[in-house]
PDB file of N, CA and C in Angstrom:
ATOM      1  N   UNK A   1      -7.325  -7.292 -26.448  1.00  0.00           N
ATOM      2  CA  UNK A   1      -6.424  -7.712 -25.399  1.00  0.00           C
ATOM      3  C   UNK A   1      -6.338  -6.603 -24.345  1.00  0.00           C
ATOM      4  N   UNK A   2      -6.568  -6.942 -23.121  1.00  0.00           N
ATOM      5  CA  UNK A   2      -6.524  -5.982 -22.031  1.00  0.00           C
ATOM      6  C   UNK A   2      -5.080  -5.858 -21.552  1.00  0.00           C
ATOM      7  N   UNK A   3      -4.520  -4.660 -21.673  1.00  0.00           N
ATOM      8  CA  UNK A   3      -3.121  -4.487 -21.304  1.00  0.00           C
ATOM      9  C   UNK A   3      -2.970  -3.672 -20.019  1.00  0.00           C
ATOM     10  N   UNK A   4      -3.915  -3.836 -19.084  1.00  0.00           N
ATOM     11  CA  UNK A   4      -3.796  -3.175 -17.790  1.00  0.00           C
ATOM     12  C   UNK A   4      -3.837  -4.208 -16.681  1.00  0.00           C
ATOM     13  N   UNK A   5      -3.202  -3.864 -15.601  1.00  0.00           N
ATOM     14  CA  UNK A   5      -3.142  -4.724 -14.430  1.00  0.00           C
ATOM     15  C   UNK A   5      -3.655  -3.910 -13.244  1.00  0.00           C
ATOM     16  N   UNK A   6      -4.582  -4.459 -12.475  1.00  0.00           N
ATOM     17  CA  UNK A   6      -5.125  -3.795 -11.289  1.00  0.00           C
ATOM     18  C   UNK A   6      -4.486  -4.376 -10.044  1.00  0.00           C
ATOM     19  N   UNK A   7      -4.142  -3.508  -9.105  1.00  0.00           N
ATOM     20  CA  UNK A   7      -3.690  -3.983  -7.804  1.00  0.00           C
ATOM     21  C   UNK A   7      -4.095  -2.975  -6.741  1.00  0.00           C
ATOM     22  N   UNK A   8      -4.165  -3.429  -5.508  1.00  0.00           N
ATOM     23  CA  UNK A   8      -4.571  -2.584  -4.384  1.00  0.00           C
ATOM     24  C   UNK A   8      -3.334  -2.166  -3.601  1.00  0.00           C
ATOM     25  N   UNK A   9      -3.321  -0.913  -3.192  1.00  0.00           N
ATOM     26  CA  UNK A   9      -2.232  -0.395  -2.383  1.00  0.00           C
ATOM     27  C   UNK A   9      -2.780   0.700  -1.475  1.00  0.00           C
ATOM     28  N   UNK A  10      -1.940   1.241  -0.619  1.00  0.00           N
ATOM     29  CA  UNK A  10      -2.377   2.318   0.271  1.00  0.00           C
ATOM     30  C   UNK A  10      -2.048   3.671  -0.360  1.00  0.00           C
ATOM     31  N   UNK A  11      -2.653   4.731   0.190  1.00  0.00           N
ATOM     32  CA  UNK A  11      -2.397   6.070  -0.322  1.00  0.00           C
ATOM     33  C   UNK A  11      -0.945   6.498  -0.126  1.00  0.00           C
ATOM     34  N   UNK A  12      -0.241   5.863   0.817  1.00  0.00           N
ATOM     35  CA  UNK A  12       1.184   6.158   1.015  1.00  0.00           C
ATOM     36  C   UNK A  12       1.978   5.935  -0.270  1.00  0.00           C
ATOM     37  N   UNK A  13       1.566   4.980  -1.096  1.00  0.00           N
ATOM     38  CA  UNK A  13       2.343   4.564  -2.268  1.00  0.00           C
ATOM     39  C   UNK A  13       1.889   5.212  -3.570  1.00  0.00           C
ATOM     40  N   UNK A  14       0.882   6.081  -3.511  1.00  0.00           N
ATOM     41  CA  UNK A  14       0.361   6.719  -4.728  1.00  0.00           C
ATOM     42  C   UNK A  14       1.305   7.844  -5.158  1.00  0.00           C
ATOM     43  N   UNK A  15       1.544   7.925  -6.467  1.00  0.00           N
ATOM     44  CA  UNK A  15       2.450   8.933  -7.033  1.00  0.00           C
ATOM     45  C   UNK A  15       1.780   9.635  -8.208  1.00  0.00           C
ATOM     46  N   UNK A  16       2.329  10.768  -8.587  1.00  0.00           N
ATOM     47  CA  UNK A  16       1.815  11.515  -9.734  1.00  0.00           C
ATOM     48  C   UNK A  16       1.889  10.665 -10.998  1.00  0.00           C
ATOM     49  N   UNK A  17       0.859  10.755 -11.810  1.00  0.00           N
ATOM     50  CA  UNK A  17       0.816  10.014 -13.066  1.00  0.00           C
ATOM     51  C   UNK A  17       0.084   8.688 -12.984  1.00  0.00           C
ATOM     52  N   UNK A  18      -0.220   8.221 -11.777  1.00  0.00           N
ATOM     53  CA  UNK A  18      -0.919   6.941 -11.625  1.00  0.00           C
ATOM     54  C   UNK A  18      -2.406   7.098 -11.959  1.00  0.00           C
ATOM     55  N   UNK A  19      -2.958   6.071 -12.569  1.00  0.00           N
ATOM     56  CA  UNK A  19      -4.388   5.982 -12.840  1.00  0.00           C
ATOM     57  C   UNK A  19      -4.986   5.148 -11.717  1.00  0.00           C
ATOM     58  N   UNK A  20      -5.985   5.693 -10.987  1.00  0.00           N
ATOM     59  CA  UNK A  20      -6.534   5.004  -9.828  1.00  0.00           C
ATOM     60  C   UNK A  20      -8.049   4.941  -9.887  1.00  0.00           C
ATOM     61  N   UNK A  21      -8.607   4.008  -9.123  1.00  0.00           N
ATOM     62  CA  UNK A  21     -10.052   3.924  -8.914  1.00  0.00           C
ATOM     63  C   UNK A  21     -10.277   4.080  -7.418  1.00  0.00           C
ATOM     64  N   UNK A  22     -11.055   5.096  -7.029  1.00  0.00           N
ATOM     65  CA  UNK A  22     -11.320   5.374  -5.624  1.00  0.00           C
ATOM     66  C   UNK A  22     -12.813   5.611  -5.465  1.00  0.00           C
ATOM     67  N   UNK A  23     -13.472   4.794  -4.674  1.00  0.00           N
ATOM     68  CA  UNK A  23     -14.929   4.839  -4.471  1.00  0.00           C
ATOM     69  C   UNK A  23     -15.676   4.781  -5.796  1.00  0.00           C
ATOM     70  N   UNK A  24     -15.218   3.912  -6.692  1.00  0.00           N
ATOM     71  CA  UNK A  24     -15.902   3.686  -7.964  1.00  0.00           C
ATOM     72  C   UNK A  24     -15.623   4.720  -9.039  1.00  0.00           C
ATOM     73  N   UNK A  25     -14.830   5.733  -8.765  1.00  0.00           N
ATOM     74  CA  UNK A  25     -14.519   6.768  -9.746  1.00  0.00           C
ATOM     75  C   UNK A  25     -13.083   6.598 -10.230  1.00  0.00           C
ATOM     76  N   UNK A  26     -12.908   6.557 -11.568  1.00  0.00           N
ATOM     77  CA  UNK A  26     -11.571   6.434 -12.129  1.00  0.00           C
ATOM     78  C   UNK A  26     -11.003   7.834 -12.338  1.00  0.00           C
ATOM     79  N   UNK A  27      -9.756   8.034 -11.903  1.00  0.00           N
ATOM     80  CA  UNK A  27      -9.108   9.337 -12.036  1.00  0.00           C
ATOM     81  C   UNK A  27      -7.609   9.171 -12.175  1.00  0.00           C
ATOM     82  N   UNK A  28      -6.970  10.228 -12.652  1.00  0.00           N
ATOM     83  CA  UNK A  28      -5.519  10.236 -12.784  1.00  0.00           C
ATOM     84  C   UNK A  28      -4.953  11.210 -11.754  1.00  0.00           C
ATOM     85  N   UNK A  29      -3.928  10.773 -11.038  1.00  0.00           N
ATOM     86  CA  UNK A  29      -3.280  11.599 -10.027  1.00  0.00           C
ATOM     87  C   UNK A  29      -2.353  12.592 -10.726  1.00  0.00           C
ATOM     88  N   UNK A  30      -2.542  13.881 -10.458  1.00  0.00           N
ATOM     89  CA  UNK A  30      -1.708  14.920 -11.054  1.00  0.00           C
ATOM     90  C   UNK A  30      -0.526  15.237 -10.148  1.00  0.00           C
ATOM     91  N   UNK A  31      -0.776  15.305  -8.853  1.00  0.00           N
ATOM     92  CA  UNK A  31       0.317  15.594  -7.923  1.00  0.00           C
ATOM     93  C   UNK A  31      -0.176  15.663  -6.492  1.00  0.00           C
ATOM     94  N   UNK A  32       0.756  15.737  -5.562  1.00  0.00           N
ATOM     95  CA  UNK A  32       0.433  15.824  -4.141  1.00  0.00           C
ATOM     96  C   UNK A  32       0.121  17.272  -3.797  1.00  0.00           C
ATOM     97  N   UNK A  33      -1.047  17.497  -3.216  1.00  0.00           N
ATOM     98  CA  UNK A  33      -1.450  18.839  -2.802  1.00  0.00           C
ATOM     99  C   UNK A  33      -0.957  19.116  -1.390  1.00  0.00           C
ATOM    100  N   UNK A  34      -1.232  18.166  -0.485  1.00  0.00           N
ATOM    101  CA  UNK A  34      -0.866  18.374   0.911  1.00  0.00           C
ATOM    102  C   UNK A  34      -0.768  17.038   1.632  1.00  0.00           C
ATOM    103  N   UNK A  35       0.171  16.963   2.550  1.00  0.00           N
ATOM    104  CA  UNK A  35       0.301  15.814   3.442  1.00  0.00           C
ATOM    105  C   UNK A  35       0.435  16.389   4.838  1.00  0.00           C
ATOM    106  N   UNK A  36      -0.514  16.047   5.717  1.00  0.00           N
ATOM    107  CA  UNK A  36      -0.439  16.603   7.066  1.00  0.00           C
ATOM    108  C   UNK A  36      -0.708  15.528   8.105  1.00  0.00           C
ATOM    109  N   UNK A  37      -0.086  15.719   9.247  1.00  0.00           N
ATOM    110  CA  UNK A  37      -0.234  14.798  10.364  1.00  0.00           C
ATOM    111  C   UNK A  37      -1.346  15.308  11.274  1.00  0.00           C
ATOM    112  N   UNK A  38      -2.331  14.451  11.524  1.00  0.00           N
ATOM    113  CA  UNK A  38      -3.430  14.788  12.427  1.00  0.00           C
ATOM    114  C   UNK A  38      -3.464  13.739  13.527  1.00  0.00           C
ATOM    115  N   UNK A  39      -4.399  13.915  14.459  1.00  0.00           N
ATOM    116  CA  UNK A  39      -4.532  12.926  15.527  1.00  0.00           C
ATOM    117  C   UNK A  39      -5.048  11.591  14.998  1.00  0.00           C
ATOM    118  N   UNK A  40      -5.556  11.544  13.767  1.00  0.00           N
ATOM    119  CA  UNK A  40      -6.023  10.299  13.153  1.00  0.00           C
ATOM    120  C   UNK A  40      -4.990   9.701  12.213  1.00  0.00           C
ATOM    121  N   UNK A  41      -3.815  10.300  12.115  1.00  0.00           N
ATOM    122  CA  UNK A  41      -2.763   9.784  11.252  1.00  0.00           C
ATOM    123  C   UNK A  41      -2.450  10.743  10.123  1.00  0.00           C
ATOM    124  N   UNK A  42      -1.697  10.266   9.129  1.00  0.00           N
ATOM    125  CA  UNK A  42      -1.341  11.087   7.978  1.00  0.00           C
ATOM    126  C   UNK A  42      -2.528  11.216   7.032  1.00  0.00           C
ATOM    127  N   UNK A  43      -2.849  12.436   6.642  1.00  0.00           N
ATOM    128  CA  UNK A  43      -3.912  12.706   5.689  1.00  0.00           C
ATOM    129  C   UNK A  43      -3.255  13.192   4.400  1.00  0.00           C
ATOM    130  N   UNK A  44      -3.588  12.545   3.290  1.00  0.00           N
ATOM    131  CA  UNK A  44      -3.043  12.909   1.987  1.00  0.00           C
ATOM    132  C   UNK A  44      -4.123  13.583   1.163  1.00  0.00           C
ATOM    133  N   UNK A  45      -3.750  14.654   0.441  1.00  0.00           N
ATOM    134  CA  UNK A  45      -4.625  15.298  -0.533  1.00  0.00           C
ATOM    135  C   UNK A  45      -3.870  15.356  -1.851  1.00  0.00           C
ATOM    136  N   UNK A  46      -4.495  14.839  -2.906  1.00  0.00           N
ATOM    137  CA  UNK A  46      -3.892  14.816  -4.234  1.00  0.00           C
ATOM    138  C   UNK A  46      -4.736  15.625  -5.200  1.00  0.00           C
ATOM    139  N   UNK A  47      -4.074  16.308  -6.150  1.00  0.00           N
ATOM    140  CA  UNK A  47      -4.767  16.917  -7.278  1.00  0.00           C
ATOM    141  C   UNK A  47      -5.071  15.803  -8.267  1.00  0.00           C
ATOM    142  N   UNK A  48      -6.312  15.780  -8.799  1.00  0.00           N
ATOM    143  CA  UNK A  48      -6.708  14.756  -9.764  1.00  0.00           C
ATOM    144  C   UNK A  48      -7.430  15.399 -10.940  1.00  0.00           C
ATOM    145  N   UNK A  49      -7.641  14.594 -11.977  1.00  0.00           N
ATOM    146  CA  UNK A  49      -8.444  15.060 -13.107  1.00  0.00           C
ATOM    147  C   UNK A  49      -9.891  14.579 -12.981  1.00  0.00           C
ATOM    148  N   UNK A  50     -10.286  14.095 -11.817  1.00  0.00           N
ATOM    149  CA  UNK A  50     -11.652  13.616 -11.574  1.00  0.00           C
ATOM    150  C   UNK A  50     -12.639  14.757 -11.391  1.00  0.00           C
ATOM    151  N   UNK A  51     -13.867  14.417 -11.041  1.00  0.00           N
ATOM    152  CA  UNK A  51     -14.932  15.411 -10.899  1.00  0.00           C
ATOM    153  C   UNK A  51     -14.617  16.453  -9.832  1.00  0.00           C
ATOM    154  N   UNK A  52     -14.139  16.028  -8.666  1.00  0.00           N
ATOM    155  CA  UNK A  52     -13.864  16.959  -7.576  1.00  0.00           C
ATOM    156  C   UNK A  52     -12.571  17.733  -7.773  1.00  0.00           C
ATOM    157  N   UNK A  53     -11.629  17.165  -8.464  1.00  0.00           N
ATOM    158  CA  UNK A  53     -10.335  17.800  -8.624  1.00  0.00           C
ATOM    159  C   UNK A  53      -9.350  17.445  -7.518  1.00  0.00           C
ATOM    160  N   UNK A  54      -9.841  16.832  -6.431  1.00  0.00           N
ATOM    161  CA  UNK A  54      -8.955  16.412  -5.345  1.00  0.00           C
ATOM    162  C   UNK A  54      -9.363  15.036  -4.845  1.00  0.00           C
ATOM    163  N   UNK A  55      -8.416  14.365  -4.253  1.00  0.00           N
ATOM    164  CA  UNK A  55      -8.629  13.082  -3.592  1.00  0.00           C
ATOM    165  C   UNK A  55      -8.034  13.225  -2.204  1.00  0.00           C
ATOM    166  N   UNK A  56      -8.853  13.008  -1.179  1.00  0.00           N
ATOM    167  CA  UNK A  56      -8.403  13.146   0.197  1.00  0.00           C
ATOM    168  C   UNK A  56      -8.650  11.840   0.925  1.00  0.00           C
ATOM    169  N   UNK A  57      -7.672  11.397   1.700  1.00  0.00           N
ATOM    170  CA  UNK A  57      -7.847  10.177   2.464  1.00  0.00           C
ATOM    171  C   UNK A  57      -6.727   9.942   3.447  1.00  0.00           C
ATOM    172  N   UNK A  58      -6.993   9.070   4.398  1.00  0.00           N
ATOM    173  CA  UNK A  58      -6.007   8.654   5.379  1.00  0.00           C
ATOM    174  C   UNK A  58      -4.946   7.823   4.660  1.00  0.00           C
ATOM    175  N   UNK A  59      -3.695   7.960   5.061  1.00  0.00           N
ATOM    176  CA  UNK A  59      -2.594   7.277   4.403  1.00  0.00           C
ATOM    177  C   UNK A  59      -2.717   5.772   4.356  1.00  0.00           C
ATOM    178  N   UNK A  60      -3.466   5.167   5.270  1.00  0.00           N
ATOM    179  CA  UNK A  60      -3.627   3.723   5.297  1.00  0.00           C
ATOM    180  C   UNK A  60      -4.785   3.218   4.459  1.00  0.00           C
ATOM    181  N   UNK A  61      -5.594   4.127   3.878  1.00  0.00           N
ATOM    182  CA  UNK A  61      -6.730   3.714   3.053  1.00  0.00           C
ATOM    183  C   UNK A  61      -6.254   2.953   1.820  1.00  0.00           C
ATOM    184  N   UNK A  62      -6.988   1.909   1.464  1.00  0.00           N
ATOM    185  CA  UNK A  62      -6.663   1.120   0.271  1.00  0.00           C
ATOM    186  C   UNK A  62      -7.242   1.795  -0.964  1.00  0.00           C
ATOM    187  N   UNK A  63      -6.511   1.714  -2.053  1.00  0.00           N
ATOM    188  CA  UNK A  63      -6.923   2.291  -3.326  1.00  0.00           C
ATOM    189  C   UNK A  63      -6.515   1.326  -4.435  1.00  0.00           C
ATOM    190  N   UNK A  64      -7.295   1.287  -5.518  1.00  0.00           N
ATOM    191  CA  UNK A  64      -6.989   0.426  -6.657  1.00  0.00           C
ATOM    192  C   UNK A  64      -6.199   1.223  -7.682  1.00  0.00           C
ATOM    193  N   UNK A  65      -5.072   0.686  -8.103  1.00  0.00           N
ATOM    194  CA  UNK A  65      -4.208   1.326  -9.096  1.00  0.00           C
ATOM    195  C   UNK A  65      -4.292   0.528 -10.385  1.00  0.00           C
ATOM    196  N   UNK A  66      -4.455   1.237 -11.509  1.00  0.00           N
ATOM    197  CA  UNK A  66      -4.439   0.613 -12.831  1.00  0.00           C
ATOM    198  C   UNK A  66      -3.068   0.868 -13.435  1.00  0.00           C
ATOM    199  N   UNK A  67      -2.421  -0.197 -13.874  1.00  0.00           N
ATOM    200  CA  UNK A  67      -1.066  -0.087 -14.402  1.00  0.00           C
ATOM    201  C   UNK A  67      -1.013  -0.718 -15.779  1.00  0.00           C
ATOM    202  N   UNK A  68      -0.406  -0.006 -16.742  1.00  0.00           N
ATOM    203  CA  UNK A  68      -0.239  -0.570 -18.078  1.00  0.00           C
ATOM    204  C   UNK A  68       0.842  -1.632 -18.039  1.00  0.00           C
ATOM    205  N   UNK A  69       0.598  -2.710 -18.754  1.00  0.00           N
ATOM    206  CA  UNK A  69       1.587  -3.777 -18.852  1.00  0.00           C
ATOM    207  C   UNK A  69       2.426  -3.516 -20.095  1.00  0.00           C
ATOM    208  N   UNK A  70       3.718  -3.420 -19.910  1.00  0.00           N
ATOM    209  CA  UNK A  70       4.642  -3.208 -21.020  1.00  0.00           C
ATOM    210  C   UNK A  70       4.745  -4.510 -21.813  1.00  0.00           C
ATOM    211  N   UNK A  71       4.359  -4.447 -23.077  1.00  0.00           N
ATOM    212  CA  UNK A  71       4.357  -5.652 -23.914  1.00  0.00           C
ATOM    213  C   UNK A  71       5.736  -6.294 -24.017  1.00  0.00           C
ATOM    214  N   UNK A  72       6.779  -5.497 -23.903  1.00  0.00           N
ATOM    215  CA  UNK A  72       8.125  -6.065 -23.999  1.00  0.00           C
ATOM    216  C   UNK A  72       8.461  -6.918 -22.789  1.00  0.00           C
ATOM    217  N   UNK A  73       7.941  -6.560 -21.631  1.00  0.00           N
ATOM    218  CA  UNK A  73       8.306  -7.255 -20.404  1.00  0.00           C
ATOM    219  C   UNK A  73       7.341  -8.371 -20.018  1.00  0.00           C
ATOM    220  N   UNK A  74       6.103  -8.306 -20.481  1.00  0.00           N
ATOM    221  CA  UNK A  74       5.137  -9.305 -20.006  1.00  0.00           C
ATOM    222  C   UNK A  74       5.408 -10.714 -20.531  1.00  0.00           C
ATOM    223  N   UNK A  75       6.084 -10.832 -21.673  1.00  0.00           N
ATOM    224  CA  UNK A  75       6.347 -12.153 -22.234  1.00  0.00           C
ATOM    225  C   UNK A  75       7.703 -12.719 -21.805  1.00  0.00           C
ATOM    226  N   UNK A  76       8.489 -11.931 -21.102  1.00  0.00           N
ATOM    227  CA  UNK A  76       9.805 -12.408 -20.671  1.00  0.00           C
ATOM    228  C   UNK A  76       9.666 -13.427 -19.564  1.00  0.00           C
ATOM    229  N   UNK A  77      10.526 -14.375 -19.579  1.00  0.00           N
ATOM    230  CA  UNK A  77      10.550 -15.408 -18.549  1.00  0.00           C
ATOM    231  C   UNK A  77      11.834 -15.279 -17.751  1.00  0.00           C
ATOM    232  N   UNK A  78      11.772 -15.681 -16.511  1.00  0.00           N
ATOM    233  CA  UNK A  78      12.967 -15.644 -15.664  1.00  0.00           C
ATOM    234  C   UNK A  78      13.908 -16.801 -15.940  1.00  0.00           C
ATOM    235  N   UNK A  79      13.472 -17.745 -16.757  1.00  0.00           N
ATOM    236  CA  UNK A  79      14.287 -18.922 -17.040  1.00  0.00           C
ATOM    237  C   UNK A  79      15.013 -18.756 -18.370  1.00  0.00           C
ATOM    238  N   UNK A  80      16.225 -19.285 -18.433  1.00  0.00           N
ATOM    239  CA  UNK A  80      17.025 -19.206 -19.666  1.00  0.00           C
ATOM    240  C   UNK A  80      17.085 -20.568 -20.307  1.00  0.00           C
TER     241      UNK A  80
END
């Protein structure tokens, strides 16, 4: 049983501890290294456990986030 959910979001919404796929490489975000404003917009740099050790991109870039589904919550229904 696959207990992960994939969704796409921008780099603005990435936080420490998230498991992401960026340009085909799966990595875990350790923390924010730097956020700076340039003439092309906000540039984010994150520390990762991937090959490079960093992830750099424009804040509007799309990224795939892998999220574990909590077994307790996935079977709950909104109806009583």
